[in-house]
């Protein structure tokens, strides 16, 4: 793929991340906020992977995987806290 296609995907994902950020700010329920933050985390992971492909540096893939795991753990923790009121 060409650099222009990757640039277009990056811009599109960034715009969608800001739409999710708006939903996280306005969201009427806590569940809406958690889901939108999870979507933002996923989009950032994909953006890091795209940057890895464009710059041809494989170390960014490791960063993307760690970021995805941290986002998943944070989503599970916040969801459990919302449901039960405690984390244990």
N, C-alpha and C. Protein backbone atom coordinates (compact mmCIF):
# COMPACT_ATOMS: atom_id res chain seq x y z
N UNK A 1 0.85 -1.19 0.00
CA UNK A 1 0.00 0.00 0.00
C UNK A 1 0.88 1.24 0.00
N UNK A 2 0.29 2.30 -0.42
CA UNK A 2 1.07 3.53 -0.49
C UNK A 2 0.97 4.33 0.81
N UNK A 3 1.86 5.26 0.94
CA UNK A 3 1.89 6.11 2.13
C UNK A 3 0.62 6.95 2.22
N UNK A 4 0.07 7.35 1.08
CA UNK A 4 -1.15 8.16 1.10
C UNK A 4 -2.33 7.38 1.68
N UNK A 5 -2.39 6.08 1.39
CA UNK A 5 -3.48 5.27 1.94
C UNK A 5 -3.34 5.15 3.46
N UNK A 6 -2.10 4.94 3.93
CA UNK A 6 -1.88 4.86 5.37
C UNK A 6 -2.17 6.19 6.05
N UNK A 7 -1.82 7.27 5.40
CA UNK A 7 -2.11 8.60 5.96
C UNK A 7 -3.62 8.82 6.04
N UNK A 8 -4.33 8.42 5.00
CA UNK A 8 -5.79 8.55 5.01
C UNK A 8 -6.43 7.72 6.11
N UNK A 9 -5.94 6.48 6.29
CA UNK A 9 -6.47 5.63 7.37
C UNK A 9 -6.19 6.25 8.73
N UNK A 10 -5.00 6.80 8.90
CA UNK A 10 -4.64 7.40 10.17
C UNK A 10 -5.53 8.59 10.50
N UNK A 11 -5.76 9.44 9.52
CA UNK A 11 -6.63 10.60 9.73
C UNK A 11 -8.05 10.16 10.05
N UNK A 12 -8.55 9.17 9.31
CA UNK A 12 -9.90 8.67 9.54
C UNK A 12 -10.05 8.07 10.94
N UNK A 13 -9.06 7.28 11.37
CA UNK A 13 -9.12 6.70 12.71
C UNK A 13 -9.01 7.76 13.80
N UNK A 14 -8.22 8.79 13.55
CA UNK A 14 -8.10 9.87 14.54
C UNK A 14 -9.43 10.62 14.67
N UNK A 15 -10.10 10.87 13.56
CA UNK A 15 -11.40 11.55 13.61
C UNK A 15 -12.42 10.69 14.36
N UNK A 16 -12.41 9.38 14.09
CA UNK A 16 -13.33 8.50 14.80
C UNK A 16 -13.01 8.41 16.29
N UNK A 17 -11.73 8.52 16.63
CA UNK A 17 -11.36 8.53 18.05
C UNK A 17 -11.91 9.76 18.74
N UNK A 18 -11.91 10.90 18.05
CA UNK A 18 -12.48 12.10 18.66
C UNK A 18 -13.99 12.00 18.79
N UNK A 19 -14.65 11.30 17.87
CA UNK A 19 -16.08 11.05 18.02
C UNK A 19 -16.35 10.20 19.26
N UNK A 20 -15.52 9.19 19.47
CA UNK A 20 -15.66 8.36 20.67
C UNK A 20 -15.33 9.15 21.93
N UNK A 21 -14.39 10.07 21.84
CA UNK A 21 -14.07 10.91 22.98
C UNK A 21 -15.27 11.78 23.36
N UNK A 22 -15.99 12.27 22.35
CA UNK A 22 -17.21 13.03 22.61
C UNK A 22 -18.24 12.15 23.34
N UNK A 23 -18.37 10.89 22.89
CA UNK A 23 -19.33 9.98 23.54
C UNK A 23 -18.90 9.68 24.97
N UNK A 24 -17.60 9.59 25.20
CA UNK A 24 -17.12 9.35 26.56
C UNK A 24 -17.42 10.54 27.46
N UNK A 25 -17.38 11.73 26.91
CA UNK A 25 -17.66 12.94 27.69
C UNK A 25 -19.16 13.10 27.95
N UNK A 26 -19.98 12.85 26.94
CA UNK A 26 -21.41 13.12 27.02
C UNK A 26 -22.19 11.90 27.52
N UNK A 27 -21.69 10.70 27.23
CA UNK A 27 -22.40 9.46 27.51
C UNK A 27 -23.31 9.48 28.71
N UNK A 28 -24.57 9.14 28.54
CA UNK A 28 -25.51 9.23 29.66
C UNK A 28 -25.23 8.22 30.77
N UNK A 29 -24.66 7.08 30.45
CA UNK A 29 -24.40 6.08 31.48
C UNK A 29 -22.91 5.77 31.55
N UNK A 30 -22.53 5.15 32.64
CA UNK A 30 -21.13 4.77 32.82
C UNK A 30 -20.73 3.69 31.81
N UNK A 31 -21.66 2.83 31.44
CA UNK A 31 -21.35 1.79 30.46
C UNK A 31 -21.00 2.39 29.11
N UNK A 32 -21.71 3.44 28.71
CA UNK A 32 -21.38 4.13 27.46
C UNK A 32 -19.98 4.69 27.50
N UNK A 33 -19.61 5.24 28.63
CA UNK A 33 -18.26 5.81 28.77
C UNK A 33 -17.19 4.73 28.71
N UNK A 34 -17.43 3.60 29.35
CA UNK A 34 -16.45 2.51 29.34
C UNK A 34 -16.27 1.96 27.93
N UNK A 35 -17.37 1.76 27.22
CA UNK A 35 -17.28 1.24 25.86
C UNK A 35 -16.55 2.23 24.95
N UNK A 36 -16.83 3.51 25.08
CA UNK A 36 -16.17 4.48 24.21
C UNK A 36 -14.68 4.58 24.52
N UNK A 37 -14.30 4.49 25.77
CA UNK A 37 -12.88 4.50 26.12
C UNK A 37 -12.20 3.23 25.59
N UNK A 38 -12.90 2.10 25.62
CA UNK A 38 -12.35 0.87 25.06
C UNK A 38 -12.16 1.00 23.54
N UNK A 39 -13.10 1.62 22.87
CA UNK A 39 -12.98 1.83 21.43
C UNK A 39 -11.81 2.76 21.13
N UNK A 40 -11.62 3.79 21.91
CA UNK A 40 -10.48 4.69 21.73
C UNK A 40 -9.18 3.92 21.91
N UNK A 41 -9.12 3.07 22.90
CA UNK A 41 -7.92 2.26 23.13
C UNK A 41 -7.63 1.36 21.94
N UNK A 42 -8.66 0.77 21.38
CA UNK A 42 -8.49 -0.09 20.21
C UNK A 42 -8.00 0.72 19.01
N UNK A 43 -8.55 1.90 18.81
CA UNK A 43 -8.12 2.74 17.69
C UNK A 43 -6.67 3.18 17.85
N UNK A 44 -6.27 3.51 19.06
CA UNK A 44 -4.88 3.89 19.29
C UNK A 44 -3.96 2.71 19.02
N UNK A 45 -4.38 1.52 19.38
CA UNK A 45 -3.58 0.32 19.09
C UNK A 45 -3.40 0.14 17.59
N UNK A 46 -4.46 0.32 16.84
CA UNK A 46 -4.36 0.21 15.38
C UNK A 46 -3.48 1.32 14.81
N UNK A 47 -3.59 2.52 15.34
CA UNK A 47 -2.73 3.62 14.88
C UNK A 47 -1.26 3.31 15.13
N UNK A 48 -0.94 2.74 16.28
CA UNK A 48 0.45 2.37 16.57
C UNK A 48 0.92 1.31 15.58
N UNK A 49 0.06 0.35 15.26
CA UNK A 49 0.43 -0.68 14.29
C UNK A 49 0.65 -0.09 12.90
N UNK A 50 -0.18 0.86 12.50
CA UNK A 50 -0.01 1.52 11.19
C UNK A 50 1.30 2.29 11.17
N UNK A 51 1.60 2.98 12.25
CA UNK A 51 2.87 3.70 12.33
C UNK A 51 4.04 2.72 12.23
N UNK A 52 3.88 1.54 12.81
CA UNK A 52 4.93 0.52 12.73
C UNK A 52 5.15 0.09 11.28
N UNK A 53 4.08 -0.08 10.54
CA UNK A 53 4.21 -0.48 9.14
C UNK A 53 4.84 0.63 8.31
N UNK A 54 4.42 1.86 8.53
CA UNK A 54 4.94 2.98 7.74
C UNK A 54 6.42 3.21 8.01
N UNK A 55 6.82 3.16 9.28
CA UNK A 55 8.21 3.43 9.62
C UNK A 55 9.09 2.19 9.55
N UNK A 56 8.49 1.01 9.33
CA UNK A 56 9.19 -0.26 9.23
C UNK A 56 10.02 -0.57 10.48
N UNK A 57 9.44 -0.26 11.64
CA UNK A 57 10.08 -0.57 12.92
C UNK A 57 9.19 -1.56 13.67
N UNK A 58 9.70 -2.76 13.83
CA UNK A 58 8.91 -3.83 14.45
C UNK A 58 8.70 -3.64 15.94
N UNK A 59 9.48 -2.80 16.57
CA UNK A 59 9.34 -2.59 18.02
C UNK A 59 7.98 -1.95 18.35
N UNK A 60 7.43 -1.19 17.42
CA UNK A 60 6.12 -0.57 17.68
C UNK A 60 5.01 -1.60 17.80
N UNK A 61 5.17 -2.76 17.15
CA UNK A 61 4.16 -3.81 17.27
C UNK A 61 4.11 -4.31 18.72
N UNK A 62 5.28 -4.44 19.35
CA UNK A 62 5.31 -4.83 20.76
C UNK A 62 4.61 -3.79 21.62
N UNK A 63 4.84 -2.53 21.32
CA UNK A 63 4.18 -1.45 22.07
C UNK A 63 2.66 -1.53 21.87
N UNK A 64 2.23 -1.80 20.65
CA UNK A 64 0.79 -1.91 20.38
C UNK A 64 0.16 -3.07 21.15
N UNK A 65 0.87 -4.19 21.22
CA UNK A 65 0.34 -5.34 21.95
C UNK A 65 0.22 -5.05 23.45
N UNK A 66 1.24 -4.43 24.01
CA UNK A 66 1.19 -4.08 25.44
C UNK A 66 0.07 -3.08 25.70
N UNK A 67 -0.08 -2.10 24.82
CA UNK A 67 -1.15 -1.10 24.98
C UNK A 67 -2.52 -1.76 24.90
N UNK A 68 -2.67 -2.72 23.99
CA UNK A 68 -3.95 -3.42 23.87
C UNK A 68 -4.26 -4.22 25.13
N UNK A 69 -3.24 -4.88 25.69
CA UNK A 69 -3.46 -5.63 26.93
C UNK A 69 -3.82 -4.71 28.08
N UNK A 70 -3.15 -3.56 28.17
CA UNK A 70 -3.47 -2.61 29.25
C UNK A 70 -4.89 -2.08 29.09
N UNK A 71 -5.29 -1.79 27.87
CA UNK A 71 -6.66 -1.31 27.63
C UNK A 71 -7.70 -2.36 27.99
N UNK A 72 -7.40 -3.61 27.67
CA UNK A 72 -8.33 -4.69 28.01
C UNK A 72 -8.46 -4.85 29.51
N UNK A 73 -7.35 -4.86 30.21
CA UNK A 73 -7.38 -5.02 31.67
C UNK A 73 -8.09 -3.84 32.32
N UNK A 74 -7.86 -2.64 31.82
CA UNK A 74 -8.54 -1.47 32.37
C UNK A 74 -10.05 -1.54 32.14
N UNK A 75 -10.45 -1.98 30.97
CA UNK A 75 -11.88 -2.10 30.67
C UNK A 75 -12.55 -3.13 31.57
N UNK A 76 -11.91 -4.27 31.75
CA UNK A 76 -12.46 -5.31 32.62
C UNK A 76 -12.55 -4.80 34.06
N UNK A 77 -11.52 -4.11 34.52
CA UNK A 77 -11.51 -3.61 35.90
C UNK A 77 -12.61 -2.59 36.14
N UNK A 78 -12.74 -1.64 35.23
CA UNK A 78 -13.77 -0.61 35.40
C UNK A 78 -15.16 -1.22 35.29
N UNK A 79 -15.34 -2.17 34.38
CA UNK A 79 -16.65 -2.82 34.25
C UNK A 79 -17.01 -3.59 35.51
N UNK A 80 -16.03 -4.28 36.08
CA UNK A 80 -16.29 -5.01 37.32
C UNK A 80 -16.60 -4.06 38.47
N UNK A 81 -15.89 -2.94 38.51
CA UNK A 81 -16.16 -1.95 39.55
C UNK A 81 -17.56 -1.36 39.41
N UNK A 82 -17.98 -1.09 38.18
CA UNK A 82 -19.31 -0.53 37.96
C UNK A 82 -20.38 -1.55 38.36
N UNK A 83 -20.15 -2.82 38.05
CA UNK A 83 -21.15 -3.84 38.33
C UNK A 83 -21.25 -4.18 39.81
N UNK A 84 -20.09 -4.38 40.49
CA UNK A 84 -20.11 -4.87 41.85
C UNK A 84 -19.77 -3.82 42.89
N UNK A 85 -19.14 -2.74 42.50
CA UNK A 85 -18.76 -1.71 43.45
C UNK A 85 -17.44 -1.96 44.12
N UNK A 86 -16.77 -3.05 43.76
CA UNK A 86 -15.44 -3.36 44.29
C UNK A 86 -14.68 -4.16 43.25
N UNK A 87 -13.36 -4.22 43.38
CA UNK A 87 -12.53 -4.89 42.38
C UNK A 87 -12.13 -6.31 42.74
N UNK A 88 -12.45 -6.79 43.90
CA UNK A 88 -12.05 -8.13 44.30
C UNK A 88 -13.23 -9.04 44.47
